[in-house]
Amino acid sequence: SLKVARQLLETEPFKSKISDEILPGRALQDEESLAKFAGQTVKT
């Protein structure tokens, strides 16, 4: 679902309005890094 959320940011009318992805951040792309991110940020 994180991938789909990122796709939303790349879809108009969002695409032309978005400045920067701050979380997870564009540098995090591989499965292992995203899994670690999910563990650090998951909430109820």
PDB file of all heavy atoms in Angstrom:
ATOM      1  N   SER A   1       0.818  -1.209   0.000  1.00  0.00           N
ATOM      2  CA  SER A   1       0.000   0.000   0.000  1.00  0.00           C
ATOM      3  C   SER A   1       0.851   1.259   0.000  1.00  0.00           C
ATOM      4  O   SER A   1       0.424   2.302  -0.529  1.00  0.00           O
ATOM      5  CB  SER A   1      -0.940  -0.002   1.205  1.00  0.00           C
ATOM      6  OG  SER A   1      -1.872   1.060   1.110  1.00  0.00           O
ATOM      7  N   LEU A   2       2.056   1.201   0.568  1.00  0.00           N
ATOM      8  CA  LEU A   2       2.953   2.355   0.505  1.00  0.00           C
ATOM      9  C   LEU A   2       3.269   2.703  -0.950  1.00  0.00           C
ATOM     10  O   LEU A   2       3.378   3.881  -1.315  1.00  0.00           O
ATOM     11  CB  LEU A   2       4.247   2.078   1.266  1.00  0.00           C
ATOM     12  CG  LEU A   2       4.161   1.929   2.788  1.00  0.00           C
ATOM     13  CD1 LEU A   2       5.553   1.798   3.385  1.00  0.00           C
ATOM     14  CD2 LEU A   2       3.432   3.104   3.420  1.00  0.00           C
ATOM     15  N   LYS A   3       3.392   1.692  -1.778  1.00  0.00           N
ATOM     16  CA  LYS A   3       3.668   1.926  -3.200  1.00  0.00           C
ATOM     17  C   LYS A   3       2.500   2.655  -3.862  1.00  0.00           C
ATOM     18  O   LYS A   3       2.697   3.557  -4.682  1.00  0.00           O
ATOM     19  CB  LYS A   3       3.947   0.599  -3.898  1.00  0.00           C
ATOM     20  CG  LYS A   3       5.202  -0.106  -3.419  1.00  0.00           C
ATOM     21  CD  LYS A   3       5.391  -1.453  -4.117  1.00  0.00           C
ATOM     22  CE  LYS A   3       6.616  -2.181  -3.592  1.00  0.00           C
ATOM     23  NZ  LYS A   3       6.790  -3.517  -4.221  1.00  0.00           N
ATOM     24  N   VAL A   4       1.295   2.272  -3.505  1.00  0.00           N
ATOM     25  CA  VAL A   4       0.121   2.930  -4.081  1.00  0.00           C
ATOM     26  C   VAL A   4       0.032   4.377  -3.592  1.00  0.00           C
ATOM     27  O   VAL A   4      -0.310   5.289  -4.361  1.00  0.00           O
ATOM     28  CB  VAL A   4      -1.155   2.150  -3.719  1.00  0.00           C
ATOM     29  CG1 VAL A   4      -2.397   2.911  -4.159  1.00  0.00           C
ATOM     30  CG2 VAL A   4      -1.129   0.762  -4.353  1.00  0.00           C
ATOM     31  N   ALA A   5       0.348   4.593  -2.317  1.00  0.00           N
ATOM     32  CA  ALA A   5       0.341   5.967  -1.791  1.00  0.00           C
ATOM     33  C   ALA A   5       1.334   6.839  -2.553  1.00  0.00           C
ATOM     34  O   ALA A   5       1.044   8.003  -2.870  1.00  0.00           O
ATOM     35  CB  ALA A   5       0.678   5.947  -0.302  1.00  0.00           C
ATOM     36  N   ARG A   6       2.482   6.268  -2.856  1.00  0.00           N
ATOM     37  CA  ARG A   6       3.471   7.010  -3.644  1.00  0.00           C
ATOM     38  C   ARG A   6       2.972   7.276  -5.068  1.00  0.00           C
ATOM     39  O   ARG A   6       3.231   8.341  -5.649  1.00  0.00           O
ATOM     40  CB  ARG A   6       4.781   6.242  -3.680  1.00  0.00           C
ATOM     41  CG  ARG A   6       5.594   6.376  -2.397  1.00  0.00           C
ATOM     42  CD  ARG A   6       6.819   5.492  -2.390  1.00  0.00           C
ATOM     43  NE  ARG A   6       7.895   6.077  -1.595  1.00  0.00           N
ATOM     44  CZ  ARG A   6       9.045   5.463  -1.335  1.00  0.00           C
ATOM     45  NH1 ARG A   6       9.262   4.237  -1.807  1.00  0.00           N
ATOM     46  NH2 ARG A   6       9.972   6.067  -0.613  1.00  0.00           N
ATOM     47  N   GLN A   7       2.239   6.323  -5.618  1.00  0.00           N
ATOM     48  CA  GLN A   7       1.676   6.519  -6.947  1.00  0.00           C
ATOM     49  C   GLN A   7       0.668   7.671  -6.951  1.00  0.00           C
ATOM     50  O   GLN A   7       0.577   8.420  -7.929  1.00  0.00           O
ATOM     51  CB  GLN A   7       1.004   5.238  -7.429  1.00  0.00           C
ATOM     52  CG  GLN A   7       1.978   4.119  -7.780  1.00  0.00           C
ATOM     53  CD  GLN A   7       1.270   2.795  -8.046  1.00  0.00           C
ATOM     54  OE1 GLN A   7       0.046   2.727  -8.042  1.00  0.00           O
ATOM     55  NE2 GLN A   7       2.051   1.747  -8.281  1.00  0.00           N
ATOM     56  N   LEU A   8      -0.074   7.819  -5.856  1.00  0.00           N
ATOM     57  CA  LEU A   8      -1.014   8.932  -5.751  1.00  0.00           C
ATOM     58  C   LEU A   8      -0.286  10.272  -5.833  1.00  0.00           C
ATOM     59  O   LEU A   8      -0.777  11.226  -6.451  1.00  0.00           O
ATOM     60  CB  LEU A   8      -1.796   8.839  -4.435  1.00  0.00           C
ATOM     61  CG  LEU A   8      -2.906   7.792  -4.370  1.00  0.00           C
ATOM     62  CD1 LEU A   8      -3.363   7.577  -2.931  1.00  0.00           C
ATOM     63  CD2 LEU A   8      -4.089   8.211  -5.241  1.00  0.00           C
ATOM     64  N   LEU A   9       0.872  10.354  -5.183  1.00  0.00           N
ATOM     65  CA  LEU A   9       1.646  11.590  -5.228  1.00  0.00           C
ATOM     66  C   LEU A   9       2.123  11.915  -6.643  1.00  0.00           C
ATOM     67  O   LEU A   9       2.353  13.089  -6.971  1.00  0.00           O
ATOM     68  CB  LEU A   9       2.858  11.489  -4.295  1.00  0.00           C
ATOM     69  CG  LEU A   9       2.575  11.358  -2.798  1.00  0.00           C
ATOM     70  CD1 LEU A   9       3.879  11.201  -2.028  1.00  0.00           C
ATOM     71  CD2 LEU A   9       1.800  12.573  -2.278  1.00  0.00           C
ATOM     72  N   GLU A  10       2.262  10.890  -7.478  1.00  0.00           N
ATOM     73  CA  GLU A  10       2.752  11.064  -8.843  1.00  0.00           C
ATOM     74  C   GLU A  10       1.617  11.187  -9.855  1.00  0.00           C
ATOM     75  O   GLU A  10       1.836  11.169 -11.060  1.00  0.00           O
ATOM     76  CB  GLU A  10       3.652   9.875  -9.226  1.00  0.00           C
ATOM     77  CG  GLU A  10       4.936   9.794  -8.415  1.00  0.00           C
ATOM     78  CD  GLU A  10       5.845  10.995  -8.671  1.00  0.00           C
ATOM     79  OE1 GLU A  10       5.877  11.477  -9.820  1.00  0.00           O
ATOM     80  OE2 GLU A  10       6.520  11.441  -7.722  1.00  0.00           O
ATOM     81  N   THR A  11       0.382  11.303  -9.341  1.00  0.00           N
ATOM     82  CA  THR A  11      -0.793  11.375 -10.205  1.00  0.00           C
ATOM     83  C   THR A  11      -1.426  12.759 -10.065  1.00  0.00           C
ATOM     84  O   THR A  11      -1.566  13.286  -8.965  1.00  0.00           O
ATOM     85  CB  THR A  11      -1.817  10.284  -9.817  1.00  0.00           C
ATOM     86  OG1 THR A  11      -1.190   9.005  -9.896  1.00  0.00           O
ATOM     87  CG2 THR A  11      -3.027  10.316 -10.734  1.00  0.00           C
ATOM     88  N   GLU A  12      -1.816  13.340 -11.176  1.00  0.00           N
ATOM     89  CA  GLU A  12      -2.487  14.645 -11.126  1.00  0.00           C
ATOM     90  C   GLU A  12      -3.877  14.492 -10.503  1.00  0.00           C
ATOM     91  O   GLU A  12      -4.515  13.444 -10.661  1.00  0.00           O
ATOM     92  CB  GLU A  12      -2.609  15.242 -12.538  1.00  0.00           C
ATOM     93  CG  GLU A  12      -1.287  15.631 -13.164  1.00  0.00           C
ATOM     94  CD  GLU A  12      -0.612  16.820 -12.478  1.00  0.00           C
ATOM     95  OE1 GLU A  12      -1.154  17.340 -11.479  1.00  0.00           O
ATOM     96  OE2 GLU A  12       0.474  17.194 -12.942  1.00  0.00           O
ATOM     97  N   PRO A  13      -4.305  15.514  -9.759  1.00  0.00           N
ATOM     98  CA  PRO A  13      -3.723  16.849  -9.627  1.00  0.00           C
ATOM     99  C   PRO A  13      -2.642  17.000  -8.550  1.00  0.00           C
ATOM    100  O   PRO A  13      -2.175  18.119  -8.322  1.00  0.00           O
ATOM    101  CB  PRO A  13      -4.939  17.713  -9.281  1.00  0.00           C
ATOM    102  CG  PRO A  13      -5.853  16.789  -8.554  1.00  0.00           C
ATOM    103  CD  PRO A  13      -5.671  15.440  -9.176  1.00  0.00           C
ATOM    104  N   PHE A  14      -2.228  15.890  -7.906  1.00  0.00           N
ATOM    105  CA  PHE A  14      -1.172  16.012  -6.902  1.00  0.00           C
ATOM    106  C   PHE A  14       0.201  16.282  -7.520  1.00  0.00           C
ATOM    107  O   PHE A  14       0.988  17.072  -7.001  1.00  0.00           O
ATOM    108  CB  PHE A  14      -1.088  14.745  -6.048  1.00  0.00           C
ATOM    109  CG  PHE A  14      -2.027  14.722  -4.883  1.00  0.00           C
ATOM    110  CD1 PHE A  14      -2.910  13.668  -4.694  1.00  0.00           C
ATOM    111  CD2 PHE A  14      -2.029  15.748  -3.957  1.00  0.00           C
ATOM    112  CE1 PHE A  14      -3.778  13.647  -3.621  1.00  0.00           C
ATOM    113  CE2 PHE A  14      -2.908  15.740  -2.876  1.00  0.00           C
ATOM    114  CZ  PHE A  14      -3.787  14.683  -2.712  1.00  0.00           C
ATOM    115  N   LYS A  15       0.501  15.611  -8.599  1.00  0.00           N
ATOM    116  CA  LYS A  15       1.867  15.594  -9.120  1.00  0.00           C
ATOM    117  C   LYS A  15       2.466  16.991  -9.270  1.00  0.00           C
ATOM    118  O   LYS A  15       3.627  17.245  -8.888  1.00  0.00           O
ATOM    119  CB  LYS A  15       1.906  14.862 -10.464  1.00  0.00           C
ATOM    120  CG  LYS A  15       3.316  14.724 -11.028  1.00  0.00           C
ATOM    121  CD  LYS A  15       3.305  13.912 -12.320  1.00  0.00           C
ATOM    122  CE  LYS A  15       4.718  13.752 -12.864  1.00  0.00           C
ATOM    123  NZ  LYS A  15       4.737  12.949 -14.114  1.00  0.00           N
ATOM    124  N   SER A  16       1.718  17.909  -9.820  1.00  0.00           N
ATOM    125  CA  SER A  16       2.245  19.253 -10.065  1.00  0.00           C
ATOM    126  C   SER A  16       2.273  20.116  -8.804  1.00  0.00           C
ATOM    127  O   SER A  16       2.863  21.207  -8.813  1.00  0.00           O
ATOM    128  CB  SER A  16       1.421  19.953 -11.143  1.00  0.00           C
ATOM    129  OG  SER A  16       0.059  20.014 -10.769  1.00  0.00           O
ATOM    130  N   LYS A  17       1.660  19.641  -7.728  1.00  0.00           N
ATOM    131  CA  LYS A  17       1.586  20.438  -6.495  1.00  0.00           C
ATOM    132  C   LYS A  17       2.550  19.961  -5.411  1.00  0.00           C
ATOM    133  O   LYS A  17       2.817  20.690  -4.455  1.00  0.00           O
ATOM    134  CB  LYS A  17       0.157  20.406  -5.931  1.00  0.00           C
ATOM    135  CG  LYS A  17      -0.884  21.002  -6.859  1.00  0.00           C
ATOM    136  CD  LYS A  17      -2.273  20.928  -6.252  1.00  0.00           C
ATOM    137  CE  LYS A  17      -3.313  21.533  -7.183  1.00  0.00           C
ATOM    138  NZ  LYS A  17      -4.682  21.484  -6.601  1.00  0.00           N
ATOM    139  N   ILE A  18       3.059  18.734  -5.528  1.00  0.00           N
ATOM    140  CA  ILE A  18       3.916  18.158  -4.491  1.00  0.00           C
ATOM    141  C   ILE A  18       5.331  18.713  -4.609  1.00  0.00           C
ATOM    142  O   ILE A  18       5.918  18.768  -5.693  1.00  0.00           O
ATOM    143  CB  ILE A  18       3.928  16.626  -4.594  1.00  0.00           C
ATOM    144  CG1 ILE A  18       2.538  16.068  -4.308  1.00  0.00           C
ATOM    145  CG2 ILE A  18       4.957  16.031  -3.646  1.00  0.00           C
ATOM    146  CD1 ILE A  18       2.005  16.396  -2.924  1.00  0.00           C
ATOM    147  N   SER A  19       5.874  19.101  -3.469  1.00  0.00           N
ATOM    148  CA  SER A  19       7.238  19.607  -3.422  1.00  0.00           C
ATOM    149  C   SER A  19       8.233  18.494  -3.145  1.00  0.00           C
ATOM    150  O   SER A  19       9.174  18.286  -3.916  1.00  0.00           O
ATOM    151  CB  SER A  19       7.362  20.688  -2.346  1.00  0.00           C
ATOM    152  OG  SER A  19       8.707  21.092  -2.167  1.00  0.00           O
ATOM    153  N   ASP A  20       8.017  17.738  -2.046  1.00  0.00           N
ATOM    154  CA  ASP A  20       8.995  16.713  -1.671  1.00  0.00           C
ATOM    155  C   ASP A  20       8.332  15.640  -0.827  1.00  0.00           C
ATOM    156  O   ASP A  20       7.446  15.929  -0.014  1.00  0.00           O
ATOM    157  CB  ASP A  20      10.146  17.357  -0.889  1.00  0.00           C
ATOM    158  CG  ASP A  20      11.294  16.387  -0.638  1.00  0.00           C
ATOM    159  OD1 ASP A  20      11.523  15.502  -1.495  1.00  0.00           O
ATOM    160  OD2 ASP A  20      11.948  16.512   0.409  1.00  0.00           O
ATOM    161  N   GLU A  21       8.735  14.410  -1.029  1.00  0.00           N
ATOM    162  CA  GLU A  21       8.309  13.316  -0.155  1.00  0.00           C
ATOM    163  C   GLU A  21       9.273  13.274   1.027  1.00  0.00           C
ATOM    164  O   GLU A  21      10.465  13.009   0.864  1.00  0.00           O
ATOM    165  CB  GLU A  21       8.340  11.977  -0.900  1.00  0.00           C
ATOM    166  CG  GLU A  21       7.950  10.799  -0.022  1.00  0.00           C
ATOM    167  CD  GLU A  21       8.190   9.451  -0.680  1.00  0.00           C
ATOM    168  OE1 GLU A  21       7.696   9.263  -1.812  1.00  0.00           O
ATOM    169  OE2 GLU A  21       8.888   8.623  -0.077  1.00  0.00           O
ATOM    170  N   ILE A  22       8.768  13.535   2.215  1.00  0.00           N
ATOM    171  CA  ILE A  22       9.653  13.579   3.383  1.00  0.00           C
ATOM    172  C   ILE A  22       9.654  12.275   4.169  1.00  0.00           C
ATOM    173  O   ILE A  22      10.608  11.986   4.883  1.00  0.00           O
ATOM    174  CB  ILE A  22       9.309  14.768   4.303  1.00  0.00           C
ATOM    175  CG1 ILE A  22       7.858  14.708   4.784  1.00  0.00           C
ATOM    176  CG2 ILE A  22       9.584  16.077   3.593  1.00  0.00           C
ATOM    177  CD1 ILE A  22       7.522  15.819   5.776  1.00  0.00           C
ATOM    178  N   LEU A  23       8.602  11.488   4.074  1.00  0.00           N
ATOM    179  CA  LEU A  23       8.576  10.140   4.660  1.00  0.00           C
ATOM    180  C   LEU A  23       7.840   9.213   3.703  1.00  0.00           C
ATOM    181  O   LEU A  23       6.754   9.570   3.237  1.00  0.00           O
ATOM    182  CB  LEU A  23       7.870  10.140   6.030  1.00  0.00           C
ATOM    183  CG  LEU A  23       8.634  10.703   7.226  1.00  0.00           C
ATOM    184  CD1 LEU A  23       7.760  10.641   8.473  1.00  0.00           C
ATOM    185  CD2 LEU A  23       9.925   9.942   7.471  1.00  0.00           C
ATOM    186  N   PRO A  24       8.372   8.036   3.414  1.00  0.00           N
ATOM    187  CA  PRO A  24       9.669   7.500   3.829  1.00  0.00           C
ATOM    188  C   PRO A  24      10.865   8.288   3.291  1.00  0.00           C
ATOM    189  O   PRO A  24      11.976   8.148   3.785  1.00  0.00           O
ATOM    190  CB  PRO A  24       9.669   6.092   3.253  1.00  0.00           C
ATOM    191  CG  PRO A  24       8.270   5.767   2.913  1.00  0.00           C
ATOM    192  CD  PRO A  24       7.626   7.071   2.575  1.00  0.00           C
ATOM    193  N   GLY A  25      10.660   9.110   2.243  1.00  0.00           N
ATOM    194  CA  GLY A  25      11.756   9.789   1.569  1.00  0.00           C
ATOM    195  C   GLY A  25      12.147   9.036   0.315  1.00  0.00           C
ATOM    196  O   GLY A  25      12.160   7.797   0.286  1.00  0.00           O
ATOM    197  N   ARG A  26      12.452   9.753  -0.729  1.00  0.00           N
ATOM    198  CA  ARG A  26      12.690   9.128  -2.023  1.00  0.00           C
ATOM    199  C   ARG A  26      13.879   8.158  -2.004  1.00  0.00           C
ATOM    200  O   ARG A  26      13.963   7.257  -2.840  1.00  0.00           O
ATOM    201  CB  ARG A  26      12.917  10.202  -3.089  1.00  0.00           C
ATOM    202  CG  ARG A  26      11.707  11.113  -3.284  1.00  0.00           C
ATOM    203  CD  ARG A  26      11.942  12.127  -4.392  1.00  0.00           C
ATOM    204  NE  ARG A  26      10.906  13.149  -4.427  1.00  0.00           N
ATOM    205  CZ  ARG A  26       9.748  13.027  -5.049  1.00  0.00           C
ATOM    206  NH1 ARG A  26       9.465  11.903  -5.676  1.00  0.00           N
ATOM    207  NH2 ARG A  26       8.876  14.018  -5.041  1.00  0.00           N
ATOM    208  N   ALA A  27      14.791   8.343  -1.051  1.00  0.00           N
ATOM    209  CA  ALA A  27      15.980   7.469  -0.989  1.00  0.00           C
ATOM    210  C   ALA A  27      15.631   6.051  -0.566  1.00  0.00           C
ATOM    211  O   ALA A  27      16.366   5.101  -0.864  1.00  0.00           O
ATOM    212  CB  ALA A  27      17.012   8.051  -0.029  1.00  0.00           C
ATOM    213  N   LEU A  28      14.510   5.883   0.118  1.00  0.00           N
ATOM    214  CA  LEU A  28      14.112   4.544   0.562  1.00  0.00           C
ATOM    215  C   LEU A  28      13.248   3.892  -0.506  1.00  0.00           C
ATOM    216  O   LEU A  28      12.090   4.276  -0.704  1.00  0.00           O
ATOM    217  CB  LEU A  28      13.336   4.617   1.890  1.00  0.00           C
ATOM    218  CG  LEU A  28      14.079   5.130   3.125  1.00  0.00           C
ATOM    219  CD1 LEU A  28      13.214   4.965   4.373  1.00  0.00           C
ATOM    220  CD2 LEU A  28      15.394   4.403   3.313  1.00  0.00           C
ATOM    221  N   GLN A  29      13.780   2.905  -1.170  1.00  0.00           N
ATOM    222  CA  GLN A  29      13.067   2.239  -2.250  1.00  0.00           C
ATOM    223  C   GLN A  29      13.061   0.722  -2.099  1.00  0.00           C
ATOM    224  O   GLN A  29      12.101   0.066  -2.522  1.00  0.00           O
ATOM    225  CB  GLN A  29      13.677   2.608  -3.602  1.00  0.00           C
ATOM    226  CG  GLN A  29      13.566   4.083  -3.950  1.00  0.00           C
ATOM    227  CD  GLN A  29      12.132   4.520  -4.231  1.00  0.00           C
ATOM    228  OE1 GLN A  29      11.280   3.704  -4.613  1.00  0.00           O
ATOM    229  NE2 GLN A  29      11.848   5.805  -4.049  1.00  0.00           N
ATOM    230  N   ASP A  30      14.103   0.150  -1.520  1.00  0.00           N
ATOM    231  CA  ASP A  30      14.175  -1.314  -1.437  1.00  0.00           C
ATOM    232  C   ASP A  30      13.297  -1.833  -0.302  1.00  0.00           C
ATOM    233  O   ASP A  30      12.981  -1.121   0.653  1.00  0.00           O
ATOM    234  CB  ASP A  30      15.626  -1.763  -1.235  1.00  0.00           C
ATOM    235  CG  ASP A  30      16.212  -1.277   0.081  1.00  0.00           C
ATOM    236  OD1 ASP A  30      16.598  -0.081   0.151  1.00  0.00           O
ATOM    237  OD2 ASP A  30      16.242  -2.057   1.045  1.00  0.00           O
ATOM    238  N   GLU A  31      12.923  -3.102  -0.425  1.00  0.00           N
ATOM    239  CA  GLU A  31      11.991  -3.739   0.504  1.00  0.00           C
ATOM    240  C   GLU A  31      12.508  -3.715   1.938  1.00  0.00           C
ATOM    241  O   GLU A  31      11.757  -3.447   2.880  1.00  0.00           O
ATOM    242  CB  GLU A  31      11.751  -5.194   0.065  1.00  0.00           C
ATOM    243  CG  GLU A  31      10.535  -5.840   0.696  1.00  0.00           C
ATOM    244  CD  GLU A  31       9.271  -5.615  -0.124  1.00  0.00           C
ATOM    245  OE1 GLU A  31       9.289  -4.816  -1.083  1.00  0.00           O
ATOM    246  OE2 GLU A  31       8.260  -6.232   0.209  1.00  0.00           O
ATOM    247  N   GLU A  32      13.778  -3.977   2.125  1.00  0.00           N
ATOM    248  CA  GLU A  32      14.343  -4.032   3.482  1.00  0.00           C
ATOM    249  C   GLU A  32      14.279  -2.669   4.170  1.00  0.00           C
ATOM    250  O   GLU A  32      13.898  -2.559   5.342  1.00  0.00           O
ATOM    251  CB  GLU A  32      15.787  -4.521   3.433  1.00  0.00           C
ATOM    252  CG  GLU A  32      16.431  -4.677   4.806  1.00  0.00           C
ATOM    253  CD  GLU A  32      17.851  -5.221   4.727  1.00  0.00           C
ATOM    254  OE1 GLU A  32      18.273  -5.632   3.627  1.00  0.00           O
ATOM    255  OE2 GLU A  32      18.538  -5.222   5.768  1.00  0.00           O
ATOM    256  N   SER A  33      14.615  -1.610   3.447  1.00  0.00           N
ATOM    257  CA  SER A  33      14.582  -0.263   4.023  1.00  0.00           C
ATOM    258  C   SER A  33      13.153   0.165   4.350  1.00  0.00           C
ATOM    259  O   SER A  33      12.892   0.772   5.402  1.00  0.00           O
ATOM    260  CB  SER A  33      15.210   0.740   3.055  1.00  0.00           C
ATOM    261  OG  SER A  33      16.561   0.454   2.832  1.00  0.00           O
ATOM    262  N   LEU A  34      12.221  -0.168   3.470  1.00  0.00           N
ATOM    263  CA  LEU A  34      10.829   0.195   3.714  1.00  0.00           C
ATOM    264  C   LEU A  34      10.238  -0.596   4.875  1.00  0.00           C
ATOM    265  O   LEU A  34       9.421  -0.079   5.642  1.00  0.00           O
ATOM    266  CB  LEU A  34      10.002  -0.009   2.451  1.00  0.00           C
ATOM    267  CG  LEU A  34      10.281   0.995   1.328  1.00  0.00           C
ATOM    268  CD1 LEU A  34       9.537   0.606   0.058  1.00  0.00           C
ATOM    269  CD2 LEU A  34       9.902   2.412   1.757  1.00  0.00           C
ATOM    270  N   ALA A  35      10.654  -1.860   5.022  1.00  0.00           N
ATOM    271  CA  ALA A  35      10.190  -2.664   6.156  1.00  0.00           C
ATOM    272  C   ALA A  35      10.680  -2.058   7.468  1.00  0.00           C
ATOM    273  O   ALA A  35       9.934  -2.004   8.460  1.00  0.00           O
ATOM    274  CB  ALA A  35      10.673  -4.103   6.016  1.00  0.00           C
ATOM    275  N   LYS A  36      11.934  -1.608   7.486  1.00  0.00           N
ATOM    276  CA  LYS A  36      12.469  -0.954   8.687  1.00  0.00           C
ATOM    277  C   LYS A  36      11.712   0.329   8.978  1.00  0.00           C
ATOM    278  O   LYS A  36      11.366   0.620  10.133  1.00  0.00           O
ATOM    279  CB  LYS A  36      13.952  -0.673   8.503  1.00  0.00           C
ATOM    280  CG  LYS A  36      14.608  -0.059   9.731  1.00  0.00           C
ATOM    281  CD  LYS A  36      16.106   0.157   9.509  1.00  0.00           C
ATOM    282  CE  LYS A  36      16.748   0.772  10.741  1.00  0.00           C
ATOM    283  NZ  LYS A  36      18.206   1.016  10.527  1.00  0.00           N
ATOM    284  N   PHE A  37      11.424   1.098   7.928  1.00  0.00           N
ATOM    285  CA  PHE A  37      10.648   2.333   8.081  1.00  0.00           C
ATOM    286  C   PHE A  37       9.270   2.026   8.664  1.00  0.00           C
ATOM    287  O   PHE A  37       8.791   2.730   9.567  1.00  0.00           O
ATOM    288  CB  PHE A  37      10.510   3.030   6.730  1.00  0.00           C
ATOM    289  CG  PHE A  37       9.460   4.094   6.690  1.00  0.00           C
ATOM    290  CD1 PHE A  37       9.688   5.335   7.251  1.00  0.00           C
ATOM    291  CD2 PHE A  37       8.220   3.852   6.091  1.00  0.00           C
ATOM    292  CE1 PHE A  37       8.712   6.323   7.224  1.00  0.00           C
ATOM    293  CE2 PHE A  37       7.242   4.834   6.060  1.00  0.00           C
ATOM    294  CZ  PHE A  37       7.489   6.070   6.628  1.00  0.00           C
ATOM    295  N   ALA A  38       8.624   0.987   8.154  1.00  0.00           N
ATOM    296  CA  ALA A  38       7.297   0.623   8.653  1.00  0.00           C
ATOM    297  C   ALA A  38       7.352   0.282  10.138  1.00  0.00           C
ATOM    298  O   ALA A  38       6.470   0.673  10.917  1.00  0.00           O
ATOM    299  CB  ALA A  38       6.738  -0.545   7.856  1.00  0.00           C
ATOM    300  N   GLY A  39       8.384  -0.440  10.548  1.00  0.00           N
ATOM    301  CA  GLY A  39       8.535  -0.781  11.960  1.00  0.00           C
ATOM    302  C   GLY A  39       8.758   0.433  12.833  1.00  0.00           C
ATOM    303  O   GLY A  39       8.319   0.471  13.994  1.00  0.00           O
ATOM    304  N   GLN A  40       9.413   1.449  12.284  1.00  0.00           N
ATOM    305  CA  GLN A  40       9.704   2.665  13.040  1.00  0.00           C
ATOM    306  C   GLN A  40       8.501   3.599  13.142  1.00  0.00           C
ATOM    307  O   GLN A  40       8.450   4.438  14.053  1.00  0.00           O
ATOM    308  CB  GLN A  40      10.860   3.418  12.373  1.00  0.00           C
ATOM    309  CG  GLN A  40      12.199   2.704  12.445  1.00  0.00           C
ATOM    310  CD  GLN A  40      13.248   3.359  11.560  1.00  0.00           C
ATOM    311  OE1 GLN A  40      12.928   4.040  10.581  1.00  0.00           O
ATOM    312  NE2 GLN A  40      14.516   3.137  11.886  1.00  0.00           N
ATOM    313  N   THR A  41       7.545   3.482  12.226  1.00  0.00           N
ATOM    314  CA  THR A  41       6.462   4.466  12.164  1.00  0.00           C
ATOM    315  C   THR A  41       5.061   3.895  12.350  1.00  0.00           C
ATOM    316  O   THR A  41       4.104   4.671  12.489  1.00  0.00           O
ATOM    317  CB  THR A  41       6.496   5.205  10.811  1.00  0.00           C
ATOM    318  OG1 THR A  41       6.383   4.246   9.748  1.00  0.00           O
ATOM    319  CG2 THR A  41       7.778   5.995  10.656  1.00  0.00           C
ATOM    320  N   VAL A  42       4.892   2.579  12.351  1.00  0.00           N
ATOM    321  CA  VAL A  42       3.547   2.026  12.475  1.00  0.00           C
ATOM    322  C   VAL A  42       2.897   2.497  13.772  1.00  0.00           C
ATOM    323  O   VAL A  42       3.537   2.569  14.819  1.00  0.00           O
ATOM    324  CB  VAL A  42       3.575   0.484  12.399  1.00  0.00           C
ATOM    325  CG1 VAL A  42       4.324  -0.133  13.574  1.00  0.00           C
ATOM    326  CG2 VAL A  42       2.158  -0.079  12.310  1.00  0.00           C
ATOM    327  N   LYS A  43       1.629   2.849  13.685  1.00  0.00           N
ATOM    328  CA  LYS A  43       0.891   3.322  14.843  1.00  0.00           C
ATOM    329  C   LYS A  43      -0.534   2.784  14.814  1.00  0.00           C
ATOM    330  O   LYS A  43      -1.017   2.318  13.784  1.00  0.00           O
ATOM    331  CB  LYS A  43       0.854   4.843  14.894  1.00  0.00           C
ATOM    332  CG  LYS A  43       0.132   5.482  13.712  1.00  0.00           C
ATOM    333  CD  LYS A  43       0.078   6.998  13.795  1.00  0.00           C
ATOM    334  CE  LYS A  43      -0.938   7.485  14.797  1.00  0.00           C
ATOM    335  NZ  LYS A  43      -2.339   7.191  14.376  1.00  0.00           N
ATOM    336  N   THR A  44      -1.177   2.863  15.945  1.00  0.00           N
ATOM    337  CA  THR A  44      -2.550   2.399  16.047  1.00  0.00           C
ATOM    338  C   THR A  44      -3.501   3.297  15.260  1.00  0.00           C
ATOM    339  O   THR A  44      -3.245   4.487  15.081  1.00  0.00           O
ATOM    340  CB  THR A  44      -2.996   2.370  17.517  1.00  0.00           C
ATOM    341  OG1 THR A  44      -4.361   1.938  17.606  1.00  0.00           O
ATOM    342  CG2 THR A  44      -2.893   3.743  18.162  1.00  0.00           C
TER     343      THR A  44
END
